[in-house]
Amino acid sequence: MAPRGLVPLLAAAALAVAAGTLPPPAAAVACARLVATPPPRPVCTAPLTNATAINDAQFLGTHNSYHLAPADSILTLIRGLLGDATANTFTVSQAPLAEQLGPLGVRQLELDVMADPAGGEYAVPKLIGADLLGLVTKAGRGLPPRPAAEVAALREPGPKVLHVRDVDYWATVLTFRAAIAQVASWSASLGRRHSPVAVLVEVIEPRTDIPVIRQPLAWTAADFGALEAAILATVGRANVLIPADVRGAAPTLRAAVTTKGWPTLAAAAGKFLFFLDNGGALRDTYARLPAGGTERLFFTDRADETGHPDAAFVKLNNPSSPAAAARITDAVRAGFLVRTRADRDAVTGDTARRAAALDSGATFVSTDFPGVGRDGYSVSVGGGEGRVNPVRCVPA
């Protein structure tokens, strides 16, 4: 047993890792070549047109697109347990998905999902074995009860949308199927007359290094099937641009995107692209699944192996250093779609990182702060539904 004074520190550190607020181990950081800080890129004035290819455009995205900040009473408890820096990362509230896609012009969403094949796994939150954030208001704590409608949704079978189990689980939409139904309804309301929408899906798996919170269920082939079934039942196959569509007659997907390129905005109008936001073993498990009579729906992240036959999308979240920005630019020039982040940890004011993200040419520039933002800081990409990619721009 650890000394009592050490337990909160261990809990804080473990939960900070779960929330993504601590950096990865040094061994996980790839060595980068030294690159001189480039001069500002010339402003591209060419307009987006129906003939613009998807990879020749740049779009606004949101990070944790479903997220809602906890109630103040609960946030106070989180601050006491984890400290201000980690708790502050939970304070972002995003607009409903349809509002992001509509008035805010977002064209890349991100959903974190946890497996729940039987339903109800996440309906009653608990922390370190105590019913700390549960359904019943705690005397003297001021914790609100969870609405019955939310509990009912969480008891439905199928993947759930949440950030950190038992700690940060508030969302504008609670099930993956409902989230995709919302974006499908928005699309239908416009007669599918909109530029393509990317949906990044990050599968949250158990972590053996975080013993202080209950872990989500392990992901299985059947859970991947549930994701694809929800997409087909709500969006419909005709409205999804899948890897086989992009590959066409090319020998590999990579060959297609690096030679003939991606479909135009006109050809992809009204369609959705789904990206598996996981690498490593989980990505490889998905890639090995049998087609079962239909092609796989998700593009997979190949940031670690851009020479792979399935390489078409890479996730390079940190554009801050010249070497990192150059890597993004190189991938964009090669024909890959790239996602990066203009900010992290709900920190506002890092305008240098924002500028680097936009200037890198990343296809999707993701932020916690679209629209009006916070403290005078926000991120936009050209207004409307995006702009011509500054790296792939052909002067008008």
Protein backbone atom coordinates (compact mmCIF):
# COMPACT_ATOMS: atom_id res chain seq x y z
CA MET A 1 0.00 0.00 0.00
CA ALA A 2 1.33 3.43 -0.92
CA PRO A 3 1.63 6.06 1.79
CA ARG A 4 -1.64 7.95 2.17
CA GLY A 5 -0.08 11.24 1.14
CA LEU A 6 1.08 9.70 -2.12
CA VAL A 7 -2.27 8.28 -3.21
CA PRO A 8 -3.76 11.58 -4.47
CA LEU A 9 -0.58 12.27 -6.40
CA LEU A 10 -0.65 8.84 -8.01
CA ALA A 11 -4.29 9.28 -8.86
CA ALA A 12 -3.69 12.71 -10.32
CA ALA A 13 -0.79 11.54 -12.44
CA ALA A 14 -2.64 8.47 -13.68
CA LEU A 15 -5.77 10.40 -14.56
CA ALA A 16 -3.74 13.12 -16.25
CA VAL A 17 -2.26 10.47 -18.52
CA ALA A 18 -5.77 9.16 -19.23
CA ALA A 19 -6.93 12.64 -20.13
CA GLY A 20 -3.96 13.18 -22.41
CA THR A 21 -2.48 16.06 -20.42
CA LEU A 22 0.89 14.46 -19.75
CA PRO A 23 3.43 14.01 -22.53
CA PRO A 24 4.31 10.52 -23.77
CA PRO A 25 7.48 8.84 -22.53
CA ALA A 26 10.65 10.14 -24.12
CA ALA A 27 11.18 6.79 -25.84
CA ALA A 28 7.94 7.27 -27.74
CA VAL A 29 9.02 10.57 -29.26
CA ALA A 30 10.58 10.05 -32.66
CA CYS A 31 13.82 11.80 -33.46
CA ALA A 32 13.14 14.68 -35.84
CA ARG A 33 15.47 16.24 -38.34
CA LEU A 34 16.57 19.79 -37.68
CA VAL A 35 14.68 22.24 -39.87
CA ALA A 36 15.18 25.98 -40.01
CA THR A 37 12.11 28.08 -39.25
CA PRO A 38 10.54 28.70 -42.66
CA PRO A 39 9.44 32.15 -43.81
CA PRO A 40 5.69 32.88 -43.76
CA ARG A 41 3.89 31.17 -46.63
CA PRO A 42 2.44 33.50 -49.30
CA VAL A 43 -1.28 34.08 -48.91
CA CYS A 44 -3.32 31.93 -51.28
CA THR A 45 -6.16 33.87 -52.87
CA ALA A 46 -7.50 31.09 -55.08
CA PRO A 47 -11.13 30.24 -54.23
CA LEU A 48 -12.56 26.84 -53.44
CA THR A 49 -14.53 25.49 -56.39
CA ASN A 50 -16.44 22.34 -57.18
CA ALA A 51 -13.34 21.14 -59.02
CA THR A 52 -11.09 21.47 -55.94
CA ALA A 53 -9.94 18.06 -54.73
CA ILE A 54 -10.47 17.21 -51.07
CA ASN A 55 -6.73 17.15 -50.42
CA ASP A 56 -6.35 20.54 -52.10
CA ALA A 57 -8.55 22.13 -49.43
CA GLN A 58 -8.14 22.93 -45.74
CA PHE A 59 -10.97 22.57 -43.24
CA LEU A 60 -11.77 23.51 -39.65
CA GLY A 61 -12.08 20.68 -37.15
CA THR A 62 -12.96 20.37 -33.49
CA HIS A 63 -11.25 18.37 -30.76
CA ASN A 64 -13.51 16.22 -28.57
CA SER A 65 -16.45 17.52 -30.56
CA TYR A 66 -19.00 16.01 -28.16
CA HIS A 67 -17.57 17.38 -24.91
CA LEU A 68 -19.41 19.33 -22.21
CA ALA A 69 -17.77 20.80 -19.13
CA PRO A 70 -18.84 19.22 -15.81
CA ALA A 71 -21.14 21.03 -13.43
CA ASP A 72 -19.29 23.50 -11.20
CA SER A 73 -19.82 21.35 -8.13
CA ILE A 74 -18.23 18.35 -9.82
CA LEU A 75 -15.45 20.41 -11.35
CA THR A 76 -14.57 21.58 -7.84
CA LEU A 77 -14.09 17.96 -6.77
CA ILE A 78 -11.95 17.28 -9.85
CA ARG A 79 -9.79 20.30 -9.07
CA GLY A 80 -9.28 19.04 -5.55
CA LEU A 81 -8.23 15.61 -6.80
CA LEU A 82 -6.24 16.49 -9.92
CA GLY A 83 -5.27 20.12 -9.57
CA ASP A 84 -6.16 23.14 -11.69
CA ALA A 85 -4.07 22.35 -14.77
CA THR A 86 -5.70 18.98 -15.43
CA ALA A 87 -9.16 20.13 -14.38
CA ASN A 88 -8.96 23.06 -16.78
CA THR A 89 -8.71 20.63 -19.70
CA PHE A 90 -12.22 19.45 -18.84
CA THR A 91 -13.76 22.95 -18.97
CA VAL A 92 -14.40 23.11 -22.72
CA SER A 93 -18.01 22.81 -23.87
CA GLN A 94 -18.61 22.27 -27.56
CA ALA A 95 -21.77 23.22 -29.40
CA PRO A 96 -24.12 20.44 -30.57
CA LEU A 97 -22.74 18.62 -33.60
CA ALA A 98 -25.25 20.09 -36.06
CA GLU A 99 -24.42 23.63 -34.88
CA GLN A 100 -20.73 22.98 -35.41
CA LEU A 101 -21.35 21.74 -38.94
CA GLY A 102 -23.76 24.57 -39.70
CA PRO A 103 -23.05 28.08 -38.37
CA LEU A 104 -19.47 27.31 -37.30
CA GLY A 105 -18.44 25.73 -40.62
CA VAL A 106 -16.70 22.74 -39.00
CA ARG A 107 -15.92 19.91 -41.42
CA GLN A 108 -14.03 17.53 -39.12
CA LEU A 109 -15.51 16.08 -35.95
CA GLU A 110 -13.85 13.89 -33.34
CA LEU A 111 -15.65 11.29 -31.21
CA ASP A 112 -14.14 9.17 -28.43
CA VAL A 113 -15.97 5.86 -28.10
CA MET A 114 -16.01 3.06 -25.55
CA ALA A 115 -17.29 -0.45 -26.14
CA ASP A 116 -20.62 -1.35 -24.52
CA PRO A 117 -22.13 -4.35 -26.34
CA ALA A 118 -24.67 -5.19 -23.63
CA GLY A 119 -25.48 -1.61 -22.60
CA GLY A 120 -25.34 0.00 -19.18
CA GLU A 121 -21.59 -0.33 -18.59
CA TYR A 122 -21.17 3.44 -18.12
CA ALA A 123 -24.61 4.38 -16.78
CA VAL A 124 -23.47 4.68 -13.14
CA PRO A 125 -20.16 6.54 -12.84
CA LYS A 126 -17.89 5.66 -9.94
CA LEU A 127 -14.43 6.81 -8.92
CA ILE A 128 -11.97 4.56 -7.08
CA GLY A 129 -14.76 2.30 -5.96
CA ALA A 130 -16.90 5.05 -4.42
CA ASP A 131 -20.21 6.28 -5.81
CA LEU A 132 -18.69 9.73 -6.02
CA LEU A 133 -20.25 11.00 -9.23
CA GLY A 134 -23.31 8.77 -9.29
CA LEU A 135 -27.02 9.13 -9.82
CA VAL A 136 -27.98 10.27 -6.32
CA THR A 137 -27.10 13.72 -4.98
CA LYS A 138 -24.56 13.42 -2.19
CA ALA A 139 -25.37 15.17 1.07
CA GLY A 140 -23.15 18.21 1.48
CA ARG A 141 -21.53 17.73 -1.92
CA GLY A 142 -24.08 19.43 -4.15
CA LEU A 143 -23.64 16.84 -6.89
CA PRO A 144 -26.55 16.84 -9.35
CA PRO A 145 -28.34 13.59 -10.20
CA ARG A 146 -27.90 12.26 -13.72
CA PRO A 147 -31.06 12.86 -15.79
CA ALA A 148 -33.15 9.76 -16.39
CA ALA A 149 -33.04 10.23 -20.17
CA GLU A 150 -29.24 10.08 -20.09
CA VAL A 151 -29.29 6.92 -18.00
CA ALA A 152 -31.74 5.33 -20.45
CA ALA A 153 -29.50 6.19 -23.42
CA LEU A 154 -26.47 4.76 -21.65
CA ARG A 155 -28.31 1.50 -21.01
CA GLU A 156 -28.80 0.93 -24.74
CA PRO A 157 -26.39 -1.60 -26.31
CA GLY A 158 -23.67 -0.16 -28.50
CA PRO A 159 -20.60 2.12 -28.33
CA LYS A 160 -20.81 5.14 -26.03
CA VAL A 161 -19.30 8.61 -26.46
CA LEU A 162 -17.31 9.89 -23.48
CA HIS A 163 -13.88 11.20 -22.57
CA VAL A 164 -12.63 9.62 -19.31
CA ARG A 165 -14.69 6.96 -17.60
CA ASP A 166 -16.05 7.92 -14.16
CA VAL A 167 -14.29 11.30 -14.23
CA ASP A 168 -15.13 13.29 -17.39
CA TYR A 169 -18.20 11.83 -19.05
CA TRP A 170 -20.45 14.77 -19.97
CA ALA A 171 -21.36 15.03 -23.63
CA THR A 172 -23.85 16.63 -26.01
CA VAL A 173 -24.60 13.12 -27.30
CA LEU A 174 -24.00 9.88 -25.43
CA THR A 175 -24.13 7.09 -28.00
CA PHE A 176 -22.23 6.70 -31.22
CA ARG A 177 -25.36 5.81 -33.14
CA ALA A 178 -27.12 8.97 -31.92
CA ALA A 179 -24.11 11.10 -32.83
CA ILE A 180 -24.00 9.80 -36.38
CA ALA A 181 -27.79 10.12 -36.65
CA GLN A 182 -27.48 13.79 -35.72
CA VAL A 183 -24.94 14.56 -38.43
CA ALA A 184 -26.93 12.51 -40.95
CA SER A 185 -30.07 14.50 -40.11
CA TRP A 186 -28.18 17.79 -40.54
CA SER A 187 -26.93 16.62 -43.93
CA ALA A 188 -30.39 15.55 -45.06
CA SER A 189 -31.84 18.91 -44.00
CA LEU A 190 -29.52 20.57 -46.53
CA GLY A 191 -30.36 18.10 -49.26
CA ARG A 192 -26.75 16.88 -48.84
CA ARG A 193 -25.55 20.09 -50.47
CA HIS A 194 -22.41 20.56 -48.40
CA SER A 195 -18.71 19.82 -48.62
CA PRO A 196 -17.57 16.43 -47.28
CA VAL A 197 -17.42 15.91 -43.52
CA ALA A 198 -14.67 13.93 -41.80
CA VAL A 199 -15.44 12.05 -38.59
CA LEU A 200 -12.46 10.89 -36.53
CA VAL A 201 -13.32 8.03 -34.19
CA GLU A 202 -10.92 7.21 -31.36
CA VAL A 203 -11.51 3.88 -29.68
CA ILE A 204 -10.74 4.11 -25.95
CA GLU A 205 -9.20 0.90 -24.65
CA PRO A 206 -8.30 -0.34 -21.14
CA ARG A 207 -5.08 1.00 -19.66
CA THR A 208 -3.21 -1.27 -17.25
CA ASP A 209 -1.11 1.65 -16.00
CA ILE A 210 -4.10 3.54 -14.55
CA PRO A 211 -5.37 1.44 -11.62
CA VAL A 212 -7.30 4.19 -9.83
CA ILE A 213 -10.25 4.30 -12.21
CA ARG A 214 -12.33 1.57 -13.76
CA GLN A 215 -11.26 0.87 -17.29
CA PRO A 216 -13.51 0.72 -20.35
CA LEU A 217 -14.28 -2.66 -21.85
CA ALA A 218 -11.76 -4.16 -24.26
CA TRP A 219 -12.56 -3.59 -27.91
CA THR A 220 -13.51 -6.57 -30.08
CA ALA A 221 -14.22 -7.26 -33.72
CA ALA A 222 -17.93 -7.21 -32.87
CA ASP A 223 -17.56 -3.67 -31.48
CA PHE A 224 -16.00 -2.51 -34.74
CA GLY A 225 -18.97 -4.14 -36.45
CA ALA A 226 -21.29 -2.12 -34.22
CA LEU A 227 -19.59 1.11 -35.34
CA GLU A 228 -19.99 0.24 -39.00
CA ALA A 229 -23.57 -0.94 -38.53
CA ALA A 230 -24.47 2.37 -36.88
CA ILE A 231 -22.96 4.29 -39.79
CA LEU A 232 -24.76 2.24 -42.42
CA ALA A 233 -28.08 2.47 -40.55
CA THR A 234 -27.96 6.26 -40.16
CA VAL A 235 -25.83 7.78 -42.93
CA GLY A 236 -26.21 4.99 -45.47
CA ARG A 237 -23.54 3.47 -47.69
CA ALA A 238 -24.29 5.82 -50.60
CA ASN A 239 -23.34 8.80 -48.43
CA VAL A 240 -20.01 7.45 -47.15
CA LEU A 241 -16.76 7.87 -49.05
CA ILE A 242 -14.83 4.70 -48.19
CA PRO A 243 -11.25 3.61 -49.00
CA ALA A 244 -12.43 1.42 -51.89
CA ASP A 245 -14.09 4.45 -53.53
CA VAL A 246 -10.85 6.41 -53.39
CA ARG A 247 -8.68 3.47 -54.45
CA GLY A 248 -10.74 2.74 -57.53
CA ALA A 249 -8.70 0.76 -60.05
CA ALA A 250 -5.35 1.69 -58.48
CA PRO A 251 -3.31 -1.23 -57.08
CA THR A 252 -3.36 0.23 -53.55
CA LEU A 253 -5.01 3.06 -51.67
CA ARG A 254 -1.64 4.74 -51.22
CA ALA A 255 -0.98 4.57 -54.94
CA ALA A 256 -4.34 6.19 -55.63
CA VAL A 257 -3.92 9.18 -53.31
CA THR A 258 -0.31 9.84 -54.30
CA THR A 259 -0.96 9.68 -58.05
CA LYS A 260 -4.51 10.41 -59.18
CA GLY A 261 -5.45 12.07 -55.87
CA TRP A 262 -8.73 12.41 -54.00
CA PRO A 263 -12.24 13.08 -55.34
CA THR A 264 -13.30 16.66 -55.95
CA LEU A 265 -15.57 18.57 -53.61
CA ALA A 266 -18.36 18.19 -56.16
CA ALA A 267 -17.90 14.42 -56.39
CA ALA A 268 -17.79 14.11 -52.60
CA ALA A 269 -20.58 16.61 -51.84
CA GLY A 270 -22.90 15.41 -49.10
CA LYS A 271 -20.60 12.53 -48.15
CA PHE A 272 -18.90 11.53 -44.90
CA LEU A 273 -15.42 10.12 -44.43
CA PHE A 274 -14.66 8.07 -41.32
CA PHE A 275 -11.15 7.81 -39.90
CA LEU A 276 -9.98 5.42 -37.19
CA ASP A 277 -7.97 7.67 -34.89
CA ASN A 278 -5.92 4.79 -33.45
CA GLY A 279 -2.61 3.37 -34.57
CA GLY A 280 -0.70 0.25 -33.62
CA ALA A 281 -2.31 -3.04 -32.69
CA LEU A 282 -5.88 -1.74 -32.57
CA ARG A 283 -5.63 -0.28 -36.06
CA ASP A 284 -4.08 -3.51 -37.32
CA THR A 285 -6.88 -5.55 -35.76
CA TYR A 286 -9.43 -3.47 -37.66
CA ALA A 287 -7.47 -3.70 -40.89
CA ARG A 288 -7.40 -7.51 -40.65
CA LEU A 289 -11.17 -7.86 -40.26
CA PRO A 290 -12.82 -9.74 -43.13
CA ALA A 291 -14.84 -7.60 -45.48
CA GLY A 292 -17.92 -9.77 -44.96
CA GLY A 293 -19.52 -8.80 -48.25
CA THR A 294 -18.84 -5.09 -47.89
CA GLU A 295 -15.71 -2.98 -47.98
CA ARG A 296 -14.40 -1.51 -44.73
CA LEU A 297 -15.71 1.97 -43.95
CA PHE A 298 -12.79 3.53 -42.05
CA PHE A 299 -9.56 5.00 -43.32
CA THR A 300 -6.79 4.15 -40.85
CA ASP A 301 -4.07 6.38 -39.42
CA ARG A 302 -0.71 5.52 -40.98
CA ALA A 303 1.44 8.28 -39.49
CA ASP A 304 3.98 5.66 -38.43
CA GLU A 305 4.19 3.97 -41.83
CA THR A 306 3.31 6.24 -44.72
CA GLY A 307 4.71 3.64 -47.13
CA HIS A 308 1.96 1.15 -46.20
CA PRO A 309 -0.42 0.17 -49.03
CA ASP A 310 -3.38 1.49 -46.98
CA ALA A 311 -1.75 4.86 -46.23
CA ALA A 312 -4.05 7.76 -47.10
CA PHE A 313 -4.58 9.56 -43.77
CA VAL A 314 -2.05 10.58 -41.13
CA LYS A 315 -2.60 12.15 -37.73
CA LEU A 316 0.18 14.56 -36.75
CA ASN A 317 -1.30 16.51 -33.87
CA ASN A 318 1.58 18.79 -32.91
CA PRO A 319 2.70 21.33 -35.54
CA SER A 320 4.67 23.49 -33.10
CA SER A 321 8.28 22.77 -34.09
CA PRO A 322 9.65 23.48 -37.55
CA ALA A 323 10.47 19.77 -37.97
CA ALA A 324 6.91 18.73 -37.06
CA ALA A 325 5.38 21.32 -39.38
CA ALA A 326 7.68 20.19 -42.19
CA ARG A 327 6.56 16.60 -41.70
CA ILE A 328 2.94 17.68 -42.07
CA THR A 329 3.74 19.71 -45.17
CA ASP A 330 5.61 16.80 -46.73
CA ALA A 331 2.65 14.47 -46.15
CA VAL A 332 0.22 16.99 -47.65
CA ARG A 333 2.40 17.46 -50.71
CA ALA A 334 2.51 13.69 -51.15
CA GLY A 335 -1.29 13.54 -51.34
CA PHE A 336 -2.24 12.35 -47.84
CA LEU A 337 -5.01 13.88 -45.75
CA VAL A 338 -3.53 15.18 -42.48
CA ARG A 339 -5.09 16.18 -39.20
CA THR A 340 -3.30 18.47 -36.75
CA ARG A 341 -4.30 20.53 -33.70
CA ALA A 342 -4.07 24.30 -33.40
CA ASP A 343 -4.17 24.09 -29.59
CA ARG A 344 -4.08 21.55 -26.75
CA ASP A 345 -5.09 21.14 -23.11
CA ALA A 346 -7.77 23.83 -23.50
CA VAL A 347 -5.01 26.48 -23.46
CA THR A 348 -5.84 29.73 -25.23
CA GLY A 349 -3.47 32.33 -26.58
CA ASP A 350 -0.86 30.15 -28.32
CA THR A 351 -1.16 32.04 -31.58
CA ALA A 352 2.22 30.73 -32.77
CA ARG A 353 0.95 27.14 -32.66
CA ARG A 354 -2.29 28.19 -34.36
CA ALA A 355 -0.35 29.89 -37.14
CA ALA A 356 1.94 26.87 -37.55
CA ALA A 357 -1.04 24.52 -37.82
CA LEU A 358 -2.73 26.60 -40.50
CA ASP A 359 0.48 27.27 -42.41
CA SER A 360 1.54 23.60 -42.36
CA GLY A 361 -1.16 22.77 -44.87
CA ALA A 362 -2.83 20.13 -42.69
CA THR A 363 -6.14 19.17 -44.28
CA PHE A 364 -8.00 19.34 -40.96
CA VAL A 365 -6.96 21.93 -38.35
CA SER A 366 -8.64 20.93 -35.11
CA THR A 367 -9.33 23.21 -32.14
CA ASP A 368 -11.11 23.37 -28.81
CA PHE A 369 -12.20 26.90 -29.72
CA PRO A 370 -14.19 27.35 -32.94
CA GLY A 371 -16.52 30.29 -33.36
CA VAL A 372 -16.26 32.96 -30.67
CA GLY A 373 -13.68 30.90 -28.76
CA ARG A 374 -12.48 31.93 -25.31
CA ASP A 375 -10.48 34.87 -23.93
CA GLY A 376 -10.27 36.40 -27.39
CA TYR A 377 -8.73 33.25 -28.88
CA SER A 378 -10.44 31.22 -31.59
CA VAL A 379 -9.59 29.30 -34.75
CA SER A 380 -11.19 29.63 -38.16
CA VAL A 381 -10.23 28.37 -41.60
CA GLY A 382 -11.16 30.82 -44.29
CA GLY A 383 -14.76 31.23 -43.23
CA GLY A 384 -17.60 29.23 -44.75
CA GLU A 385 -16.69 25.61 -45.43
CA GLY A 386 -12.90 25.96 -45.64
CA ARG A 387 -10.28 27.37 -47.97
CA VAL A 388 -7.78 26.29 -50.60
CA ASN A 389 -4.89 24.49 -48.92
CA PRO A 390 -1.97 26.93 -48.63
CA VAL A 391 0.55 24.16 -49.42
CA ARG A 392 -1.26 22.87 -52.51
CA CYS A 393 -2.48 26.24 -53.72
CA VAL A 394 -2.25 27.03 -57.42
CA PRO A 395 -2.37 30.84 -57.77
CA ALA A 396 -5.60 32.11 -59.24
